[in-house]
Amino acid sequence: LLLVGGTFCVALISPVQTYDSLSYHLSRVAHWAQNRSVAVYVTGIERQNMMGPFAEYAILHLYVLQGGDRLANLVDWSAYLGCAIAVATIAAGLGAGRLGRLLAAVSAASLPMAVAQASSSMTDIVVAFWSLCAIAEVVASKAGREADWRHWLYLAGSVGLAVLTKSTAAAFVLPFLFWF
């Protein structure tokens, strides 16, 4: 709770300050808001047009609703919290008891990179969240849960959103899809 609460406070209070966020993540969001379109635009930083856009779409919604980038870090903080929950779900699917699920969630929440990204607007924690959701669905299917249309929808949606956030997610999710 200290990690989750502390990172939430830092995400709300501190401004966006990482190089990547300032050079293309938030620049891209500001361009989209100004242009009132998510279309490709002329820029000297081609990463603004080439990188996966899902995390920035979420930031864009908060940017427009709030009128600035004050809430931009909350997208990553939400993914950070979701990663801890997804890891606990995976642990449950692998047969962990209550203590095992708690330890898994605490371990995931205390990873230094996860803590660092919980209060920034980088996209790595967001892609990790969607990848973990896909892995949780695969583990749930292997644990004997009946695969119905919702299972396939959740799996396809999480894989699609992971790849839409960052294309390198395919390399991490693909082995689990083969296992599935």
C-alpha atoms as a PDB file:
ATOM      1  CA  LEU A   1       0.000   0.000   0.000  1.00  0.00           C
ATOM      2  CA  LEU A   2       2.909   2.341   0.676  1.00  0.00           C
ATOM      3  CA  LEU A   3       4.317   1.789  -2.801  1.00  0.00           C
ATOM      4  CA  VAL A   4       0.984   2.167  -4.546  1.00  0.00           C
ATOM      5  CA  GLY A   5      -0.021   5.202  -2.482  1.00  0.00           C
ATOM      6  CA  GLY A   6       3.399   6.798  -2.705  1.00  0.00           C
ATOM      7  CA  THR A   7       3.652   6.404  -6.456  1.00  0.00           C
ATOM      8  CA  PHE A   8       0.114   7.763  -6.812  1.00  0.00           C
ATOM      9  CA  CYS A   9       1.072  10.914  -4.913  1.00  0.00           C
ATOM     10  CA  VAL A  10       4.237  11.329  -6.960  1.00  0.00           C
ATOM     11  CA  ALA A  11       2.286  10.769 -10.201  1.00  0.00           C
ATOM     12  CA  LEU A  12      -0.190  13.496  -9.257  1.00  0.00           C
ATOM     13  CA  ILE A  13       2.267  16.014  -7.855  1.00  0.00           C
ATOM     14  CA  SER A  14       5.331  15.755 -10.074  1.00  0.00           C
ATOM     15  CA  PRO A  15       5.334  17.068 -13.625  1.00  0.00           C
ATOM     16  CA  VAL A  16       6.306  14.900 -16.554  1.00  0.00           C
ATOM     17  CA  GLN A  17      10.095  15.050 -16.670  1.00  0.00           C
ATOM     18  CA  THR A  18      11.644  12.142 -18.578  1.00  0.00           C
ATOM     19  CA  TYR A  19      13.450  12.837 -21.844  1.00  0.00           C
ATOM     20  CA  ASP A  20      11.309  10.442 -23.901  1.00  0.00           C
ATOM     21  CA  SER A  21       8.105  11.862 -22.500  1.00  0.00           C
ATOM     22  CA  LEU A  22       9.098  15.420 -23.252  1.00  0.00           C
ATOM     23  CA  SER A  23      10.641  14.747 -26.664  1.00  0.00           C
ATOM     24  CA  TYR A  24       7.889  12.694 -28.239  1.00  0.00           C
ATOM     25  CA  HIS A  25       5.205  11.234 -25.976  1.00  0.00           C
ATOM     26  CA  LEU A  26       3.692  14.488 -24.747  1.00  0.00           C
ATOM     27  CA  SER A  27       4.726  16.439 -27.838  1.00  0.00           C
ATOM     28  CA  ARG A  28       2.636  14.062 -29.865  1.00  0.00           C
ATOM     29  CA  VAL A  29      -0.319  14.444 -27.491  1.00  0.00           C
ATOM     30  CA  ALA A  30      -0.078  18.237 -27.667  1.00  0.00           C
ATOM     31  CA  HIS A  31       0.043  18.125 -31.478  1.00  0.00           C
ATOM     32  CA  TRP A  32      -3.015  15.885 -31.598  1.00  0.00           C
ATOM     33  CA  ALA A  33      -4.930  18.168 -29.245  1.00  0.00           C
ATOM     34  CA  GLN A  34      -3.917  21.269 -31.171  1.00  0.00           C
ATOM     35  CA  ASN A  35      -4.713  19.722 -34.561  1.00  0.00           C
ATOM     36  CA  ARG A  36      -7.897  18.099 -33.243  1.00  0.00           C
ATOM     37  CA  SER A  37      -6.807  14.974 -35.088  1.00  0.00           C
ATOM     38  CA  VAL A  38      -4.581  11.970 -34.473  1.00  0.00           C
ATOM     39  CA  ALA A  39      -3.420  12.019 -38.082  1.00  0.00           C
ATOM     40  CA  VAL A  40       0.249  12.003 -39.043  1.00  0.00           C
ATOM     41  CA  TYR A  41       1.750  15.501 -38.959  1.00  0.00           C
ATOM     42  CA  VAL A  42       4.986  17.153 -40.032  1.00  0.00           C
ATOM     43  CA  THR A  43       7.679  16.887 -37.368  1.00  0.00           C
ATOM     44  CA  GLY A  44      11.439  16.715 -37.056  1.00  0.00           C
ATOM     45  CA  ILE A  45      11.154  13.841 -34.568  1.00  0.00           C
ATOM     46  CA  GLU A  46       9.871  10.903 -36.598  1.00  0.00           C
ATOM     47  CA  ARG A  47       9.241   8.791 -33.469  1.00  0.00           C
ATOM     48  CA  GLN A  48       6.203  10.994 -32.868  1.00  0.00           C
ATOM     49  CA  ASN A  49       4.570   9.462 -35.948  1.00  0.00           C
ATOM     50  CA  MET A  50       6.089   5.974 -35.898  1.00  0.00           C
ATOM     51  CA  MET A  51       5.659   4.645 -32.354  1.00  0.00           C
ATOM     52  CA  GLY A  52       2.580   2.767 -31.161  1.00  0.00           C
ATOM     53  CA  PRO A  53      -0.073   5.254 -30.091  1.00  0.00           C
ATOM     54  CA  PHE A  54      -2.298   3.547 -27.493  1.00  0.00           C
ATOM     55  CA  ALA A  55      -0.726   4.965 -24.313  1.00  0.00           C
ATOM     56  CA  GLU A  56      -0.716   8.422 -25.844  1.00  0.00           C
ATOM     57  CA  TYR A  57      -4.382   8.029 -26.835  1.00  0.00           C
ATOM     58  CA  ALA A  58      -5.187   7.487 -23.168  1.00  0.00           C
ATOM     59  CA  ILE A  59      -3.029  10.470 -22.177  1.00  0.00           C
ATOM     60  CA  LEU A  60      -4.736  12.542 -24.881  1.00  0.00           C
ATOM     61  CA  HIS A  61      -8.129  11.932 -23.295  1.00  0.00           C
ATOM     62  CA  LEU A  62      -6.880  13.131 -19.918  1.00  0.00           C
ATOM     63  CA  TYR A  63      -5.029  16.027 -21.567  1.00  0.00           C
ATOM     64  CA  VAL A  64      -8.151  17.284 -23.305  1.00  0.00           C
ATOM     65  CA  LEU A  65     -10.474  16.686 -20.344  1.00  0.00           C
ATOM     66  CA  GLN A  66      -8.162  18.397 -17.854  1.00  0.00           C
ATOM     67  CA  GLY A  67      -6.839  21.087 -20.198  1.00  0.00           C
ATOM     68  CA  GLY A  68      -3.172  20.204 -19.708  1.00  0.00           C
ATOM     69  CA  ASP A  69      -0.700  17.479 -18.885  1.00  0.00           C
ATOM     70  CA  ARG A  70      -1.303  17.457 -15.106  1.00  0.00           C
ATOM     71  CA  LEU A  71      -2.928  13.992 -15.181  1.00  0.00           C
ATOM     72  CA  ALA A  72      -0.671  12.466 -17.853  1.00  0.00           C
ATOM     73  CA  ASN A  73       1.182  10.331 -15.310  1.00  0.00           C
ATOM     74  CA  LEU A  74      -2.032   8.638 -14.169  1.00  0.00           C
ATOM     75  CA  VAL A  75      -2.130   6.451 -17.273  1.00  0.00           C
ATOM     76  CA  ASP A  76       1.135   4.804 -16.279  1.00  0.00           C
ATOM     77  CA  TRP A  77       0.191   4.686 -12.607  1.00  0.00           C
ATOM     78  CA  SER A  78      -3.044   2.863 -13.523  1.00  0.00           C
ATOM     79  CA  ALA A  79      -1.011   0.394 -15.582  1.00  0.00           C
ATOM     80  CA  TYR A  80       1.344  -0.047 -12.605  1.00  0.00           C
ATOM     81  CA  LEU A  81      -1.565  -0.936 -10.338  1.00  0.00           C
ATOM     82  CA  GLY A  82      -3.002  -3.190 -13.055  1.00  0.00           C
ATOM     83  CA  CYS A  83       0.347  -5.013 -13.380  1.00  0.00           C
ATOM     84  CA  ALA A  84       0.304  -5.901  -9.680  1.00  0.00           C
ATOM     85  CA  ILE A  85      -3.255  -7.203  -9.982  1.00  0.00           C
ATOM     86  CA  ALA A  86      -2.461  -9.131 -13.180  1.00  0.00           C
ATOM     87  CA  VAL A  87       0.579 -10.773 -11.586  1.00  0.00           C
ATOM     88  CA  ALA A  88      -1.557 -11.839  -8.618  1.00  0.00           C
ATOM     89  CA  THR A  89      -4.105 -13.259 -11.073  1.00  0.00           C
ATOM     90  CA  ILE A  90      -1.384 -15.192 -12.895  1.00  0.00           C
ATOM     91  CA  ALA A  91      -0.116 -16.533  -9.566  1.00  0.00           C
ATOM     92  CA  ALA A  92      -3.644 -17.679  -8.713  1.00  0.00           C
ATOM     93  CA  GLY A  93      -3.908 -19.420 -12.086  1.00  0.00           C
ATOM     94  CA  LEU A  94      -0.667 -21.221 -11.358  1.00  0.00           C
ATOM     95  CA  GLY A  95      -2.058 -22.490  -8.060  1.00  0.00           C
ATOM     96  CA  ALA A  96      -0.741 -19.965  -5.547  1.00  0.00           C
ATOM     97  CA  GLY A  97      -2.690 -19.464  -2.361  1.00  0.00           C
ATOM     98  CA  ARG A  98      -3.618 -16.138  -0.807  1.00  0.00           C
ATOM     99  CA  LEU A  99      -0.113 -15.512   0.561  1.00  0.00           C
ATOM    100  CA  GLY A 100       1.464 -16.462  -2.773  1.00  0.00           C
ATOM    101  CA  ARG A 101      -0.783 -14.055  -4.664  1.00  0.00           C
ATOM    102  CA  LEU A 102       0.032 -11.283  -2.202  1.00  0.00           C
ATOM    103  CA  LEU A 103       3.775 -11.918  -2.487  1.00  0.00           C
ATOM    104  CA  ALA A 104       3.533 -11.970  -6.264  1.00  0.00           C
ATOM    105  CA  ALA A 105       1.688  -8.639  -6.305  1.00  0.00           C
ATOM    106  CA  VAL A 106       4.138  -7.060  -3.860  1.00  0.00           C
ATOM    107  CA  SER A 107       7.091  -8.360  -5.876  1.00  0.00           C
ATOM    108  CA  ALA A 108       5.683  -6.886  -9.072  1.00  0.00           C
ATOM    109  CA  ALA A 109       4.822  -3.572  -7.399  1.00  0.00           C
ATOM    110  CA  SER A 110       8.281  -3.254  -5.859  1.00  0.00           C
ATOM    111  CA  LEU A 111      10.301  -3.729  -9.048  1.00  0.00           C
ATOM    112  CA  PRO A 112      12.466  -0.611  -9.368  1.00  0.00           C
ATOM    113  CA  MET A 113      11.581  -0.030 -13.016  1.00  0.00           C
ATOM    114  CA  ALA A 114       7.875  -0.405 -12.279  1.00  0.00           C
ATOM    115  CA  VAL A 115       8.104   2.114  -9.438  1.00  0.00           C
ATOM    116  CA  ALA A 116      10.062   4.528 -11.648  1.00  0.00           C
ATOM    117  CA  GLN A 117       7.575   4.276 -14.499  1.00  0.00           C
ATOM    118  CA  ALA A 118       4.493   4.486 -12.288  1.00  0.00           C
ATOM    119  CA  SER A 119       5.009   8.227 -12.044  1.00  0.00           C
ATOM    120  CA  SER A 120       6.004   9.003 -15.629  1.00  0.00           C
ATOM    121  CA  SER A 121       4.389   8.926 -19.037  1.00  0.00           C
ATOM    122  CA  MET A 122       6.634   6.291 -20.606  1.00  0.00           C
ATOM    123  CA  THR A 123       4.872   3.471 -22.413  1.00  0.00           C
ATOM    124  CA  ASP A 124       6.768   0.441 -21.113  1.00  0.00           C
ATOM    125  CA  ILE A 125       4.597  -0.121 -18.029  1.00  0.00           C
ATOM    126  CA  VAL A 126       1.463   0.203 -20.180  1.00  0.00           C
ATOM    127  CA  VAL A 127       2.678  -2.452 -22.616  1.00  0.00           C
ATOM    128  CA  ALA A 128       3.679  -4.615 -19.650  1.00  0.00           C
ATOM    129  CA  PHE A 129       0.139  -4.323 -18.290  1.00  0.00           C
ATOM    130  CA  TRP A 130      -1.508  -5.423 -21.525  1.00  0.00           C
ATOM    131  CA  SER A 131       1.040  -8.223 -21.976  1.00  0.00           C
ATOM    132  CA  LEU A 132       0.377  -9.453 -18.435  1.00  0.00           C
ATOM    133  CA  CYS A 133      -3.369  -9.389 -19.146  1.00  0.00           C
ATOM    134  CA  ALA A 134      -2.799 -11.617 -22.175  1.00  0.00           C
ATOM    135  CA  ILE A 135      -0.578 -13.949 -20.146  1.00  0.00           C
ATOM    136  CA  ALA A 136      -3.224 -14.079 -17.402  1.00  0.00           C
ATOM    137  CA  GLU A 137      -5.796 -15.210 -19.959  1.00  0.00           C
ATOM    138  CA  VAL A 138      -3.466 -17.924 -21.256  1.00  0.00           C
ATOM    139  CA  VAL A 139      -2.704 -19.138 -17.730  1.00  0.00           C
ATOM    140  CA  ALA A 140      -6.416 -19.133 -16.884  1.00  0.00           C
ATOM    141  CA  SER A 141      -7.136 -21.302 -19.920  1.00  0.00           C
ATOM    142  CA  LYS A 142      -4.371 -23.712 -18.920  1.00  0.00           C
ATOM    143  CA  ALA A 143      -5.756 -23.844 -15.371  1.00  0.00           C
ATOM    144  CA  GLY A 144      -8.928 -25.432 -16.706  1.00  0.00           C
ATOM    145  CA  ARG A 145     -11.221 -22.470 -17.197  1.00  0.00           C
ATOM    146  CA  GLU A 146     -13.708 -23.093 -19.985  1.00  0.00           C
ATOM    147  CA  ALA A 147     -12.797 -20.966 -23.025  1.00  0.00           C
ATOM    148  CA  ASP A 148     -15.885 -19.130 -24.206  1.00  0.00           C
ATOM    149  CA  TRP A 149     -16.228 -16.112 -26.476  1.00  0.00           C
ATOM    150  CA  ARG A 150     -15.348 -13.683 -23.661  1.00  0.00           C
ATOM    151  CA  HIS A 151     -12.045 -15.450 -23.059  1.00  0.00           C
ATOM    152  CA  TRP A 152     -11.111 -15.120 -26.733  1.00  0.00           C
ATOM    153  CA  LEU A 153     -12.226 -11.487 -26.739  1.00  0.00           C
ATOM    154  CA  TYR A 154     -10.111 -10.634 -23.670  1.00  0.00           C
ATOM    155  CA  LEU A 155      -7.087 -12.443 -25.067  1.00  0.00           C
ATOM    156  CA  ALA A 156      -7.356 -10.817 -28.494  1.00  0.00           C
ATOM    157  CA  GLY A 157      -8.054  -7.412 -26.986  1.00  0.00           C
ATOM    158  CA  SER A 158      -5.120  -7.511 -24.598  1.00  0.00           C
ATOM    159  CA  VAL A 159      -2.698  -8.734 -27.280  1.00  0.00           C
ATOM    160  CA  GLY A 160      -3.980  -6.103 -29.696  1.00  0.00           C
ATOM    161  CA  LEU A 161      -3.657  -3.289 -27.156  1.00  0.00           C
ATOM    162  CA  ALA A 162      -0.178  -4.464 -26.153  1.00  0.00           C
ATOM    163  CA  VAL A 163       0.992  -4.370 -29.767  1.00  0.00           C
ATOM    164  CA  LEU A 164      -0.800  -1.059 -30.356  1.00  0.00           C
ATOM    165  CA  THR A 165       1.059   0.391 -27.380  1.00  0.00           C
ATOM    166  CA  LYS A 166       4.465  -0.852 -28.498  1.00  0.00           C
ATOM    167  CA  SER A 167       5.125  -3.257 -31.348  1.00  0.00           C
ATOM    168  CA  THR A 168       7.870  -5.068 -29.425  1.00  0.00           C
ATOM    169  CA  ALA A 169       5.136  -6.569 -27.234  1.00  0.00           C
ATOM    170  CA  ALA A 170       4.605  -9.199 -29.909  1.00  0.00           C
ATOM    171  CA  ALA A 171       7.992 -10.750 -29.105  1.00  0.00           C
ATOM    172  CA  PHE A 172       7.041 -11.154 -25.442  1.00  0.00           C
ATOM    173  CA  VAL A 173       3.448 -12.328 -25.914  1.00  0.00           C
ATOM    174  CA  LEU A 174       4.087 -14.695 -28.824  1.00  0.00           C
ATOM    175  CA  PRO A 175       5.609 -17.559 -26.761  1.00  0.00           C
ATOM    176  CA  PHE A 176       2.546 -17.539 -24.504  1.00  0.00           C
ATOM    177  CA  LEU A 177       0.253 -17.607 -27.523  1.00  0.00           C
ATOM    178  CA  PHE A 178       2.145 -20.672 -28.809  1.00  0.00           C
ATOM    179  CA  TRP A 179       1.730 -22.266 -25.378  1.00  0.00           C
ATOM    180  CA  PHE A 180      -1.980 -21.458 -25.544  1.00  0.00           C
END
